[in-house]
Amino acid sequence: MAAPPDASDVMEDVTVVERSMDNPDLFALLYDRYFTELYRYLAARLGSEHVEDLVADAFLIAFNGRGGFDPQRGTVRSWLYGIATNVVARHRRREGRRLNALSKVPAEDSADGPEDRVTSQLAAQASRPELVRGLKGLAKGDRDAVFLLVFGGLGYEEIATALDIPIGTVGSRINRARRKLRTALGDVNPMREW
């Protein structure tokens, strides 16, 4: 998990976004700085298939929307994670439509969505199927907050910016998710450091 950028990196990120309006090639600095971090986050959410394309989509969306970036609302890092989370949602909707179409064709068995497959793989590796059930049972907003915290390494403020919600809502979602996961695991806290 990557450490959050220090204050000079945050200012440098903002400067890069601002200066990239006149010199678009500068935006590549943000790509170089955050590609690996966003790749890991998206791979954890969706599996490794198509992740490079999805990271590229996230950076393209960021590049095209850089004029609307507001440093008063949060860091460039949290802005990029918000875009990546939206890419996950868009990908899952597309995948859901594809699976719905496939479900109309007779098949031997149905497939879960990509995020559910990743969750299942993680749980199978850890021999914790009850964790999978707990993760699948979380509301979408709660799951996004947990994954940004665990896989993205974002703090509550950054999660609030990424999801465009108040910081208090982040705390509520994380606490609700903890309770549900703890119950699913038989009153064992899956992540004590949350």
N, C-alpha and C. Protein backbone atom coordinates (compact mmCIF):
# COMPACT_ATOMS: atom_id res chain seq x y z
N MET A 1 0.85 -1.17 0.00
CA MET A 1 0.00 0.00 0.00
C MET A 1 0.90 1.24 0.00
N ALA A 2 0.59 2.18 -0.87
CA ALA A 2 1.39 3.38 -0.99
C ALA A 2 1.07 4.35 0.15
N ALA A 3 2.10 5.05 0.58
CA ALA A 3 1.89 6.08 1.61
C ALA A 3 1.29 7.31 0.96
N PRO A 4 0.44 8.02 1.69
CA PRO A 4 -0.11 9.26 1.14
C PRO A 4 1.03 10.23 0.82
N PRO A 5 0.85 11.07 -0.19
CA PRO A 5 1.91 12.02 -0.53
C PRO A 5 2.10 13.03 0.58
N ASP A 6 3.34 13.53 0.71
CA ASP A 6 3.57 14.56 1.73
C ASP A 6 3.10 15.91 1.19
N ALA A 7 3.18 16.95 2.03
CA ALA A 7 2.62 18.27 1.67
C ALA A 7 3.24 18.84 0.41
N SER A 8 4.54 18.64 0.21
CA SER A 8 5.16 19.18 -1.01
C SER A 8 4.65 18.45 -2.25
N ASP A 9 4.42 17.14 -2.14
CA ASP A 9 3.86 16.40 -3.27
C ASP A 9 2.45 16.87 -3.59
N VAL A 10 1.65 17.15 -2.55
CA VAL A 10 0.28 17.62 -2.76
C VAL A 10 0.30 18.94 -3.51
N MET A 11 1.15 19.87 -3.09
CA MET A 11 1.25 21.15 -3.79
C MET A 11 1.77 20.95 -5.20
N GLU A 12 2.74 20.08 -5.35
CA GLU A 12 3.29 19.81 -6.67
C GLU A 12 2.20 19.23 -7.58
N ASP A 13 1.37 18.31 -7.04
CA ASP A 13 0.28 17.73 -7.82
C ASP A 13 -0.68 18.81 -8.32
N VAL A 14 -1.05 19.72 -7.43
CA VAL A 14 -1.97 20.80 -7.80
C VAL A 14 -1.33 21.66 -8.88
N THR A 15 -0.06 21.98 -8.72
CA THR A 15 0.66 22.78 -9.71
C THR A 15 0.70 22.07 -11.06
N VAL A 16 0.93 20.76 -11.04
CA VAL A 16 0.95 19.99 -12.28
C VAL A 16 -0.40 20.08 -12.99
N VAL A 17 -1.48 19.91 -12.24
CA VAL A 17 -2.81 19.99 -12.85
C VAL A 17 -3.01 21.38 -13.45
N GLU A 18 -2.69 22.41 -12.68
CA GLU A 18 -2.89 23.78 -13.17
C GLU A 18 -2.05 24.06 -14.40
N ARG A 19 -0.78 23.71 -14.37
CA ARG A 19 0.12 23.99 -15.50
C ARG A 19 -0.16 23.11 -16.71
N SER A 20 -0.78 21.95 -16.47
CA SER A 20 -1.10 21.07 -17.61
C SER A 20 -2.18 21.66 -18.51
N MET A 21 -2.87 22.67 -18.02
CA MET A 21 -3.87 23.33 -18.87
C MET A 21 -3.19 24.02 -20.06
N ASP A 22 -1.99 24.55 -19.83
CA ASP A 22 -1.23 25.19 -20.91
C ASP A 22 -0.22 24.24 -21.54
N ASN A 23 0.22 23.27 -20.78
CA ASN A 23 1.21 22.30 -21.27
C ASN A 23 0.72 20.89 -20.93
N PRO A 24 -0.16 20.33 -21.78
CA PRO A 24 -0.79 19.04 -21.48
C PRO A 24 0.19 17.89 -21.19
N ASP A 25 1.39 17.96 -21.73
CA ASP A 25 2.37 16.90 -21.49
C ASP A 25 2.74 16.76 -20.01
N LEU A 26 2.59 17.82 -19.25
CA LEU A 26 2.91 17.77 -17.82
C LEU A 26 2.03 16.78 -17.06
N PHE A 27 0.83 16.53 -17.57
CA PHE A 27 -0.09 15.62 -16.88
C PHE A 27 0.52 14.23 -16.74
N ALA A 28 1.46 13.90 -17.61
CA ALA A 28 2.14 12.60 -17.54
C ALA A 28 2.85 12.40 -16.20
N LEU A 29 3.23 13.49 -15.55
CA LEU A 29 3.86 13.37 -14.23
C LEU A 29 2.92 12.72 -13.22
N LEU A 30 1.65 13.07 -13.29
CA LEU A 30 0.66 12.46 -12.39
C LEU A 30 0.45 10.99 -12.75
N TYR A 31 0.45 10.71 -14.03
CA TYR A 31 0.34 9.32 -14.49
C TYR A 31 1.49 8.51 -13.91
N ASP A 32 2.70 9.02 -14.04
CA ASP A 32 3.88 8.32 -13.52
C ASP A 32 3.80 8.14 -12.01
N ARG A 33 3.31 9.15 -11.32
CA ARG A 33 3.27 9.11 -9.86
C ARG A 33 2.20 8.15 -9.33
N TYR A 34 1.04 8.09 -9.98
CA TYR A 34 -0.10 7.37 -9.41
C TYR A 34 -0.54 6.12 -10.17
N PHE A 35 0.10 5.81 -11.30
CA PHE A 35 -0.34 4.66 -12.08
C PHE A 35 -0.34 3.38 -11.25
N THR A 36 0.78 3.07 -10.62
CA THR A 36 0.91 1.80 -9.88
C THR A 36 -0.11 1.72 -8.75
N GLU A 37 -0.28 2.82 -8.05
CA GLU A 37 -1.23 2.86 -6.93
C GLU A 37 -2.66 2.61 -7.42
N LEU A 38 -3.07 3.29 -8.49
CA LEU A 38 -4.43 3.10 -9.02
C LEU A 38 -4.58 1.72 -9.64
N TYR A 39 -3.51 1.22 -10.26
CA TYR A 39 -3.54 -0.13 -10.82
C TYR A 39 -3.85 -1.15 -9.72
N ARG A 40 -3.13 -1.05 -8.61
CA ARG A 40 -3.37 -1.99 -7.50
C ARG A 40 -4.79 -1.90 -6.98
N TYR A 41 -5.28 -0.67 -6.84
CA TYR A 41 -6.64 -0.47 -6.35
C TYR A 41 -7.66 -1.09 -7.29
N LEU A 42 -7.54 -0.82 -8.57
CA LEU A 42 -8.50 -1.37 -9.53
C LEU A 42 -8.37 -2.88 -9.65
N ALA A 43 -7.15 -3.40 -9.60
CA ALA A 43 -6.96 -4.85 -9.66
C ALA A 43 -7.59 -5.52 -8.44
N ALA A 44 -7.48 -4.89 -7.29
CA ALA A 44 -8.09 -5.45 -6.08
C ALA A 44 -9.61 -5.44 -6.19
N ARG A 45 -10.16 -4.43 -6.84
CA ARG A 45 -11.60 -4.31 -6.99
C ARG A 45 -12.15 -5.23 -8.07
N LEU A 46 -11.41 -5.37 -9.18
CA LEU A 46 -11.99 -6.02 -10.36
C LEU A 46 -11.22 -7.21 -10.88
N GLY A 47 -10.08 -7.51 -10.31
CA GLY A 47 -9.24 -8.56 -10.86
C GLY A 47 -8.30 -7.95 -11.89
N SER A 48 -7.33 -8.71 -12.35
CA SER A 48 -6.30 -8.14 -13.22
C SER A 48 -6.70 -8.03 -14.69
N GLU A 49 -7.75 -8.70 -15.08
CA GLU A 49 -8.19 -8.64 -16.48
C GLU A 49 -8.69 -7.23 -16.81
N HIS A 50 -8.16 -6.65 -17.84
CA HIS A 50 -8.55 -5.33 -18.34
C HIS A 50 -8.15 -4.17 -17.44
N VAL A 51 -7.38 -4.40 -16.38
CA VAL A 51 -7.09 -3.32 -15.44
C VAL A 51 -6.26 -2.21 -16.09
N GLU A 52 -5.29 -2.57 -16.93
CA GLU A 52 -4.50 -1.52 -17.57
C GLU A 52 -5.40 -0.59 -18.37
N ASP A 53 -6.38 -1.15 -19.07
CA ASP A 53 -7.31 -0.31 -19.83
C ASP A 53 -8.14 0.57 -18.91
N LEU A 54 -8.55 0.03 -17.78
CA LEU A 54 -9.38 0.80 -16.85
C LEU A 54 -8.58 1.92 -16.17
N VAL A 55 -7.31 1.66 -15.87
CA VAL A 55 -6.46 2.72 -15.32
C VAL A 55 -6.28 3.81 -16.37
N ALA A 56 -6.06 3.38 -17.60
CA ALA A 56 -5.92 4.36 -18.68
C ALA A 56 -7.21 5.18 -18.82
N ASP A 57 -8.36 4.52 -18.71
CA ASP A 57 -9.65 5.24 -18.75
C ASP A 57 -9.73 6.28 -17.63
N ALA A 58 -9.31 5.88 -16.44
CA ALA A 58 -9.37 6.79 -15.29
C ALA A 58 -8.49 8.02 -15.54
N PHE A 59 -7.29 7.80 -16.05
CA PHE A 59 -6.41 8.93 -16.32
C PHE A 59 -6.92 9.78 -17.49
N LEU A 60 -7.54 9.16 -18.46
CA LEU A 60 -8.11 9.94 -19.57
C LEU A 60 -9.25 10.83 -19.06
N ILE A 61 -10.10 10.27 -18.22
CA ILE A 61 -11.19 11.05 -17.62
C ILE A 61 -10.60 12.20 -16.80
N ALA A 62 -9.56 11.91 -16.02
CA ALA A 62 -8.92 12.96 -15.21
C ALA A 62 -8.32 14.03 -16.11
N PHE A 63 -7.64 13.59 -17.15
CA PHE A 63 -7.01 14.56 -18.07
C PHE A 63 -8.07 15.46 -18.70
N ASN A 64 -9.13 14.85 -19.19
CA ASN A 64 -10.19 15.63 -19.84
C ASN A 64 -10.94 16.53 -18.84
N GLY A 65 -10.98 16.14 -17.58
CA GLY A 65 -11.70 16.91 -16.57
C GLY A 65 -10.80 17.77 -15.69
N ARG A 66 -9.53 17.86 -16.04
CA ARG A 66 -8.58 18.57 -15.18
C ARG A 66 -8.93 20.03 -14.97
N GLY A 67 -9.62 20.62 -15.91
CA GLY A 67 -10.03 22.02 -15.76
C GLY A 67 -11.03 22.21 -14.63
N GLY A 68 -11.73 21.15 -14.27
CA GLY A 68 -12.72 21.23 -13.20
C GLY A 68 -12.17 20.83 -11.84
N PHE A 69 -10.88 20.44 -11.79
CA PHE A 69 -10.29 20.05 -10.50
C PHE A 69 -10.25 21.27 -9.58
N ASP A 70 -10.71 21.09 -8.35
CA ASP A 70 -10.74 22.17 -7.38
C ASP A 70 -9.92 21.75 -6.16
N PRO A 71 -8.74 22.34 -5.97
CA PRO A 71 -7.90 21.94 -4.83
C PRO A 71 -8.54 22.23 -3.48
N GLN A 72 -9.58 23.08 -3.46
CA GLN A 72 -10.28 23.36 -2.21
C GLN A 72 -11.12 22.15 -1.76
N ARG A 73 -11.42 21.27 -2.69
CA ARG A 73 -12.26 20.11 -2.36
C ARG A 73 -11.45 18.90 -1.93
N GLY A 74 -10.14 18.91 -2.17
CA GLY A 74 -9.31 17.77 -1.77
C GLY A 74 -8.06 17.67 -2.62
N THR A 75 -7.31 16.61 -2.37
CA THR A 75 -6.04 16.40 -3.06
C THR A 75 -6.24 15.81 -4.45
N VAL A 76 -5.22 15.91 -5.26
CA VAL A 76 -5.25 15.28 -6.58
C VAL A 76 -5.38 13.77 -6.42
N ARG A 77 -4.69 13.22 -5.43
CA ARG A 77 -4.74 11.78 -5.18
C ARG A 77 -6.18 11.32 -4.91
N SER A 78 -6.88 12.01 -4.03
CA SER A 78 -8.26 11.60 -3.72
C SER A 78 -9.17 11.84 -4.92
N TRP A 79 -8.92 12.88 -5.70
CA TRP A 79 -9.67 13.13 -6.94
C TRP A 79 -9.49 11.96 -7.90
N LEU A 80 -8.24 11.48 -8.05
CA LEU A 80 -7.98 10.34 -8.94
C LEU A 80 -8.65 9.07 -8.43
N TYR A 81 -8.65 8.85 -7.11
CA TYR A 81 -9.32 7.67 -6.57
C TYR A 81 -10.83 7.76 -6.76
N GLY A 82 -11.38 8.95 -6.67
CA GLY A 82 -12.81 9.13 -6.94
C GLY A 82 -13.14 8.75 -8.38
N ILE A 83 -12.30 9.19 -9.30
CA ILE A 83 -12.49 8.84 -10.71
C ILE A 83 -12.36 7.33 -10.89
N ALA A 84 -11.35 6.73 -10.26
CA ALA A 84 -11.15 5.28 -10.37
C ALA A 84 -12.35 4.51 -9.80
N THR A 85 -12.91 5.00 -8.70
CA THR A 85 -14.09 4.35 -8.13
C THR A 85 -15.27 4.44 -9.08
N ASN A 86 -15.41 5.58 -9.76
CA ASN A 86 -16.47 5.71 -10.76
C ASN A 86 -16.22 4.80 -11.96
N VAL A 87 -14.96 4.58 -12.32
CA VAL A 87 -14.63 3.65 -13.39
C VAL A 87 -15.05 2.23 -12.99
N VAL A 88 -14.84 1.89 -11.72
CA VAL A 88 -15.28 0.57 -11.22
C VAL A 88 -16.80 0.44 -11.39
N ALA A 89 -17.53 1.46 -10.96
CA ALA A 89 -18.99 1.42 -11.05
C ALA A 89 -19.44 1.30 -12.50
N ARG A 90 -18.83 2.07 -13.38
CA ARG A 90 -19.19 2.02 -14.80
C ARG A 90 -18.88 0.65 -15.38
N HIS A 91 -17.72 0.10 -15.03
CA HIS A 91 -17.33 -1.22 -15.51
C HIS A 91 -18.31 -2.30 -15.01
N ARG A 92 -18.68 -2.19 -13.74
CA ARG A 92 -19.61 -3.18 -13.18
C ARG A 92 -20.98 -3.09 -13.85
N ARG A 93 -21.43 -1.85 -14.17
CA ARG A 93 -22.72 -1.69 -14.87
C ARG A 93 -22.65 -2.34 -16.24
N ARG A 94 -21.55 -2.06 -16.96
CA ARG A 94 -21.38 -2.68 -18.28
C ARG A 94 -21.34 -4.19 -18.16
N GLU A 95 -20.57 -4.67 -17.21
CA GLU A 95 -20.47 -6.11 -16.99
C GLU A 95 -21.83 -6.69 -16.60
N GLY A 96 -22.57 -5.96 -15.76
CA GLY A 96 -23.91 -6.41 -15.36
C GLY A 96 -24.84 -6.51 -16.56
N ARG A 97 -24.79 -5.51 -17.44
CA ARG A 97 -25.63 -5.57 -18.65
C ARG A 97 -25.23 -6.75 -19.52
N ARG A 98 -23.93 -6.98 -19.63
CA ARG A 98 -23.44 -8.11 -20.42
C ARG A 98 -23.91 -9.43 -19.81
N LEU A 99 -23.79 -9.54 -18.48
CA LEU A 99 -24.22 -10.77 -17.82
C LEU A 99 -25.73 -10.95 -17.92
N ASN A 100 -26.49 -9.86 -17.84
CA ASN A 100 -27.94 -9.96 -18.02
C ASN A 100 -28.28 -10.49 -19.40
N ALA A 101 -27.57 -10.00 -20.40
CA ALA A 101 -27.80 -10.48 -21.76
C ALA A 101 -27.43 -11.95 -21.86
N LEU A 102 -26.30 -12.33 -21.25
CA LEU A 102 -25.89 -13.73 -21.28
C LEU A 102 -26.85 -14.63 -20.51
N SER A 103 -27.49 -14.07 -19.49
CA SER A 103 -28.39 -14.88 -18.67
C SER A 103 -29.63 -15.31 -19.46
N LYS A 104 -29.91 -14.62 -20.53
CA LYS A 104 -31.05 -14.98 -21.37
C LYS A 104 -30.73 -16.14 -22.29
N VAL A 105 -29.45 -16.45 -22.39
CA VAL A 105 -29.00 -17.58 -23.19
C VAL A 105 -28.77 -18.73 -22.22
N PRO A 106 -29.30 -19.92 -22.51
CA PRO A 106 -29.08 -21.04 -21.60
C PRO A 106 -27.59 -21.30 -21.39
N ALA A 107 -27.23 -21.52 -20.14
CA ALA A 107 -25.83 -21.79 -19.80
C ALA A 107 -25.78 -22.77 -18.66
N GLU A 108 -24.62 -23.38 -18.51
CA GLU A 108 -24.43 -24.36 -17.45
C GLU A 108 -24.54 -23.71 -16.06
N ASP A 109 -23.85 -22.60 -15.90
CA ASP A 109 -23.90 -21.90 -14.63
C ASP A 109 -23.67 -20.41 -14.85
N SER A 110 -24.11 -19.60 -13.90
CA SER A 110 -23.97 -18.16 -14.04
C SER A 110 -22.70 -17.68 -13.35
N ALA A 111 -22.19 -16.55 -13.81
CA ALA A 111 -20.98 -15.96 -13.24
C ALA A 111 -21.34 -14.74 -12.39
N ASP A 112 -20.60 -14.57 -11.32
CA ASP A 112 -20.75 -13.36 -10.52
C ASP A 112 -20.10 -12.20 -11.27
N GLY A 113 -20.33 -11.00 -10.79
CA GLY A 113 -19.66 -9.84 -11.35
C GLY A 113 -18.17 -9.91 -11.04
N PRO A 114 -17.35 -9.12 -11.73
CA PRO A 114 -15.90 -9.20 -11.53
C PRO A 114 -15.46 -8.88 -10.11
N GLU A 115 -16.09 -7.91 -9.45
CA GLU A 115 -15.72 -7.58 -8.08
C GLU A 115 -16.04 -8.74 -7.15
N ASP A 116 -17.18 -9.42 -7.42
CA ASP A 116 -17.55 -10.56 -6.61
C ASP A 116 -16.56 -11.72 -6.81
N ARG A 117 -16.07 -11.89 -8.06
CA ARG A 117 -15.08 -12.94 -8.31
C ARG A 117 -13.79 -12.65 -7.56
N VAL A 118 -13.34 -11.41 -7.56
CA VAL A 118 -12.12 -11.05 -6.83
C VAL A 118 -12.32 -11.29 -5.35
N THR A 119 -13.45 -10.86 -4.83
CA THR A 119 -13.76 -11.06 -3.42
C THR A 119 -13.76 -12.55 -3.09
N SER A 120 -14.36 -13.35 -3.97
CA SER A 120 -14.40 -14.80 -3.75
C SER A 120 -13.00 -15.39 -3.78
N GLN A 121 -12.16 -14.93 -4.72
CA GLN A 121 -10.80 -15.44 -4.80
C GLN A 121 -10.01 -15.11 -3.53
N LEU A 122 -10.16 -13.87 -3.06
CA LEU A 122 -9.45 -13.48 -1.84
C LEU A 122 -9.89 -14.34 -0.66
N ALA A 123 -11.16 -14.55 -0.55
CA ALA A 123 -11.67 -15.34 0.57
C ALA A 123 -11.24 -16.80 0.45
N ALA A 124 -11.26 -17.32 -0.76
CA ALA A 124 -10.85 -18.71 -0.95
C ALA A 124 -9.39 -18.87 -0.56
N GLN A 125 -8.55 -17.90 -0.94
CA GLN A 125 -7.14 -17.96 -0.58
C GLN A 125 -6.97 -17.91 0.92
N ALA A 126 -7.79 -17.15 1.58
CA ALA A 126 -7.69 -17.00 3.03
C ALA A 126 -8.55 -18.01 3.78
N SER A 127 -9.21 -18.90 3.04
CA SER A 127 -10.13 -19.87 3.65
C SER A 127 -11.16 -19.17 4.52
N ARG A 128 -11.70 -18.05 4.04
CA ARG A 128 -12.68 -17.30 4.80
C ARG A 128 -13.92 -17.02 3.95
N PRO A 129 -14.69 -18.04 3.59
CA PRO A 129 -15.89 -17.80 2.78
C PRO A 129 -16.89 -16.88 3.48
N GLU A 130 -16.85 -16.87 4.81
CA GLU A 130 -17.78 -15.98 5.52
C GLU A 130 -17.41 -14.51 5.29
N LEU A 131 -16.13 -14.22 5.05
CA LEU A 131 -15.73 -12.85 4.72
C LEU A 131 -16.31 -12.44 3.37
N VAL A 132 -16.31 -13.36 2.42
CA VAL A 132 -16.90 -13.08 1.11
C VAL A 132 -18.37 -12.74 1.26
N ARG A 133 -19.08 -13.56 2.02
CA ARG A 133 -20.51 -13.29 2.23
C ARG A 133 -20.70 -11.93 2.88
N GLY A 134 -19.85 -11.60 3.84
CA GLY A 134 -19.95 -10.31 4.49
C GLY A 134 -19.69 -9.17 3.53
N LEU A 135 -18.66 -9.28 2.69
CA LEU A 135 -18.35 -8.24 1.71
C LEU A 135 -19.46 -8.10 0.68
N LYS A 136 -19.98 -9.23 0.23
CA LYS A 136 -21.07 -9.19 -0.74
C LYS A 136 -22.33 -8.57 -0.14
N GLY A 137 -22.49 -8.73 1.18
CA GLY A 137 -23.67 -8.21 1.85
C GLY A 137 -23.62 -6.72 2.15
N LEU A 138 -22.48 -6.09 1.93
CA LEU A 138 -22.37 -4.66 2.19
C LEU A 138 -23.08 -3.86 1.10
N ALA A 139 -23.66 -2.75 1.48
CA ALA A 139 -24.22 -1.83 0.49
C ALA A 139 -23.08 -1.30 -0.37
N LYS A 140 -23.38 -0.91 -1.60
CA LYS A 140 -22.37 -0.45 -2.54
C LYS A 140 -21.52 0.68 -1.95
N GLY A 141 -22.15 1.66 -1.34
CA GLY A 141 -21.40 2.78 -0.76
C GLY A 141 -20.49 2.35 0.36
N ASP A 142 -20.95 1.41 1.18
CA ASP A 142 -20.13 0.90 2.28
C ASP A 142 -18.94 0.12 1.71
N ARG A 143 -19.20 -0.69 0.69
CA ARG A 143 -18.13 -1.48 0.07
C ARG A 143 -17.09 -0.56 -0.57
N ASP A 144 -17.54 0.48 -1.27
CA ASP A 144 -16.60 1.43 -1.88
C ASP A 144 -15.72 2.07 -0.81
N ALA A 145 -16.31 2.48 0.30
CA ALA A 145 -15.54 3.11 1.38
C ALA A 145 -14.51 2.13 1.95
N VAL A 146 -14.91 0.90 2.18
CA VAL A 146 -13.99 -0.11 2.72
C VAL A 146 -12.86 -0.37 1.74
N PHE A 147 -13.18 -0.53 0.46
CA PHE A 147 -12.14 -0.83 -0.52
C PHE A 147 -11.18 0.35 -0.71
N LEU A 148 -11.68 1.58 -0.64
CA LEU A 148 -10.78 2.73 -0.71
C LEU A 148 -9.86 2.77 0.50
N LEU A 149 -10.38 2.39 1.66
CA LEU A 149 -9.59 2.36 2.88
C LEU A 149 -8.55 1.24 2.82
N VAL A 150 -9.00 0.03 2.48
CA VAL A 150 -8.13 -1.14 2.54
C VAL A 150 -7.22 -1.24 1.32
N PHE A 151 -7.79 -1.18 0.12
CA PHE A 151 -6.99 -1.37 -1.09
C PHE A 151 -6.33 -0.09 -1.58
N GLY A 152 -6.98 1.05 -1.34
CA GLY A 152 -6.42 2.31 -1.79
C GLY A 152 -5.52 2.97 -0.77
N GLY A 153 -5.68 2.58 0.50
CA GLY A 153 -4.89 3.17 1.55
C GLY A 153 -5.25 4.63 1.82
N LEU A 154 -6.45 5.03 1.46
CA LEU A 154 -6.88 6.41 1.67
C LEU A 154 -7.37 6.61 3.10
N GLY A 155 -7.18 7.81 3.60
CA GLY A 155 -7.72 8.19 4.90
C GLY A 155 -9.17 8.65 4.72
N TYR A 156 -9.85 8.90 5.84
CA TYR A 156 -11.26 9.28 5.79
C TYR A 156 -11.50 10.54 4.96
N GLU A 157 -10.62 11.54 5.11
CA GLU A 157 -10.79 12.78 4.33
C GLU A 157 -10.68 12.52 2.84
N GLU A 158 -9.70 11.70 2.46
CA GLU A 158 -9.52 11.39 1.04
C GLU A 158 -10.69 10.56 0.51
N ILE A 159 -11.20 9.65 1.32
CA ILE A 159 -12.36 8.86 0.91
C ILE A 159 -13.55 9.77 0.71
N ALA A 160 -13.73 10.74 1.60
CA ALA A 160 -14.83 11.69 1.48
C ALA A 160 -14.73 12.45 0.16
N THR A 161 -13.54 12.87 -0.18
CA THR A 161 -13.33 13.58 -1.45
C THR A 161 -13.58 12.65 -2.63
N ALA A 162 -13.02 11.44 -2.57
CA ALA A 162 -13.15 10.49 -3.67
C ALA A 162 -14.61 10.15 -3.96
N LEU A 163 -15.40 9.99 -2.90
CA LEU A 163 -16.80 9.60 -3.07
C LEU A 163 -17.75 10.79 -3.07
N ASP A 164 -17.19 11.99 -2.85
CA ASP A 164 -17.97 13.22 -2.82
C ASP A 164 -19.09 13.14 -1.77
N ILE A 165 -18.67 12.75 -0.57
CA ILE A 165 -19.60 12.64 0.57
C ILE A 165 -18.95 13.31 1.77
N PRO A 166 -19.75 13.68 2.78
CA PRO A 166 -19.16 14.27 3.99
C PRO A 166 -18.30 13.25 4.74
N ILE A 167 -17.29 13.76 5.45
CA ILE A 167 -16.39 12.88 6.19
C ILE A 167 -17.14 12.07 7.24
N GLY A 168 -18.18 12.65 7.83
CA GLY A 168 -18.98 11.91 8.81
C GLY A 168 -19.66 10.70 8.18
N THR A 169 -20.06 10.82 6.93
CA THR A 169 -20.67 9.69 6.21
C THR A 169 -19.65 8.59 5.99
N VAL A 170 -18.39 8.98 5.73
CA VAL A 170 -17.33 7.98 5.58
C VAL A 170 -17.21 7.18 6.87
N GLY A 171 -17.14 7.89 8.00
CA GLY A 171 -17.05 7.20 9.29
C GLY A 171 -18.21 6.27 9.53
N SER A 172 -19.41 6.72 9.19
CA SER A 172 -20.60 5.88 9.35
C SER A 172 -20.51 4.63 8.48
N ARG A 173 -20.10 4.82 7.23
CA ARG A 173 -20.02 3.67 6.32
C ARG A 173 -18.97 2.66 6.78
N ILE A 174 -17.82 3.15 7.21
CA ILE A 174 -16.75 2.25 7.67
C ILE A 174 -17.20 1.53 8.93
N ASN A 175 -17.80 2.24 9.87
CA ASN A 175 -18.26 1.60 11.10
C ASN A 175 -19.35 0.57 10.83
N ARG A 176 -20.29 0.92 9.95
CA ARG A 176 -21.36 -0.02 9.59
C ARG A 176 -20.76 -1.27 8.95
N ALA A 177 -19.80 -1.07 8.05
CA ALA A 177 -19.14 -2.20 7.39
C ALA A 177 -18.40 -3.07 8.40
N ARG A 178 -17.70 -2.43 9.33
CA ARG A 178 -17.00 -3.19 10.38
C ARG A 178 -17.96 -4.08 11.15
N ARG A 179 -19.09 -3.49 11.57
CA ARG A 179 -20.07 -4.26 12.34
C ARG A 179 -20.58 -5.45 11.53
N LYS A 180 -20.94 -5.20 10.27
CA LYS A 180 -21.47 -6.28 9.44
C LYS A 180 -20.43 -7.36 9.20
N LEU A 181 -19.20 -6.96 8.93
CA LEU A 181 -18.15 -7.95 8.69
C LEU A 181 -17.81 -8.70 9.96
N ARG A 182 -17.79 -8.01 11.09
CA ARG A 182 -17.52 -8.67 12.36
C ARG A 182 -18.60 -9.72 12.64
N THR A 183 -19.86 -9.37 12.39
CA THR A 183 -20.96 -10.32 12.59
C THR A 183 -20.81 -11.50 11.64
N ALA A 184 -20.48 -11.23 10.37
CA ALA A 184 -20.31 -12.31 9.38
C ALA A 184 -19.18 -13.25 9.76
N LEU A 185 -18.19 -12.74 10.51
CA LEU A 185 -17.04 -13.56 10.90
C LEU A 185 -17.17 -14.12 12.31
N GLY A 186 -18.37 -14.05 12.86
CA GLY A 186 -18.59 -14.61 14.19
C GLY A 186 -17.95 -13.78 15.29
N ASP A 187 -18.14 -12.46 15.22
CA ASP A 187 -17.62 -11.51 16.20
C ASP A 187 -16.10 -11.42 16.24
N VAL A 188 -15.46 -11.72 15.09
CA VAL A 188 -14.02 -11.53 14.96
C VAL A 188 -13.81 -10.33 14.06
N ASN A 189 -13.00 -9.38 14.50
CA ASN A 189 -12.73 -8.19 13.70
C ASN A 189 -11.75 -8.56 12.60
N PRO A 190 -12.13 -8.45 11.31
CA PRO A 190 -11.25 -8.88 10.23
C PRO A 190 -10.04 -7.97 10.06
N MET A 191 -10.15 -6.71 10.45
CA MET A 191 -9.06 -5.76 10.27
C MET A 191 -8.98 -4.87 11.51
N ARG A 192 -8.23 -5.27 12.47
CA ARG A 192 -8.17 -4.52 13.73
C ARG A 192 -7.69 -3.10 13.53
N GLU A 193 -6.85 -2.85 12.51
CA GLU A 193 -6.31 -1.50 12.34
C GLU A 193 -7.26 -0.56 11.63
N TRP A 194 -8.44 -0.98 11.23
CA TRP A 194 -9.39 -0.07 10.57
C TRP A 194 -9.68 1.08 11.44
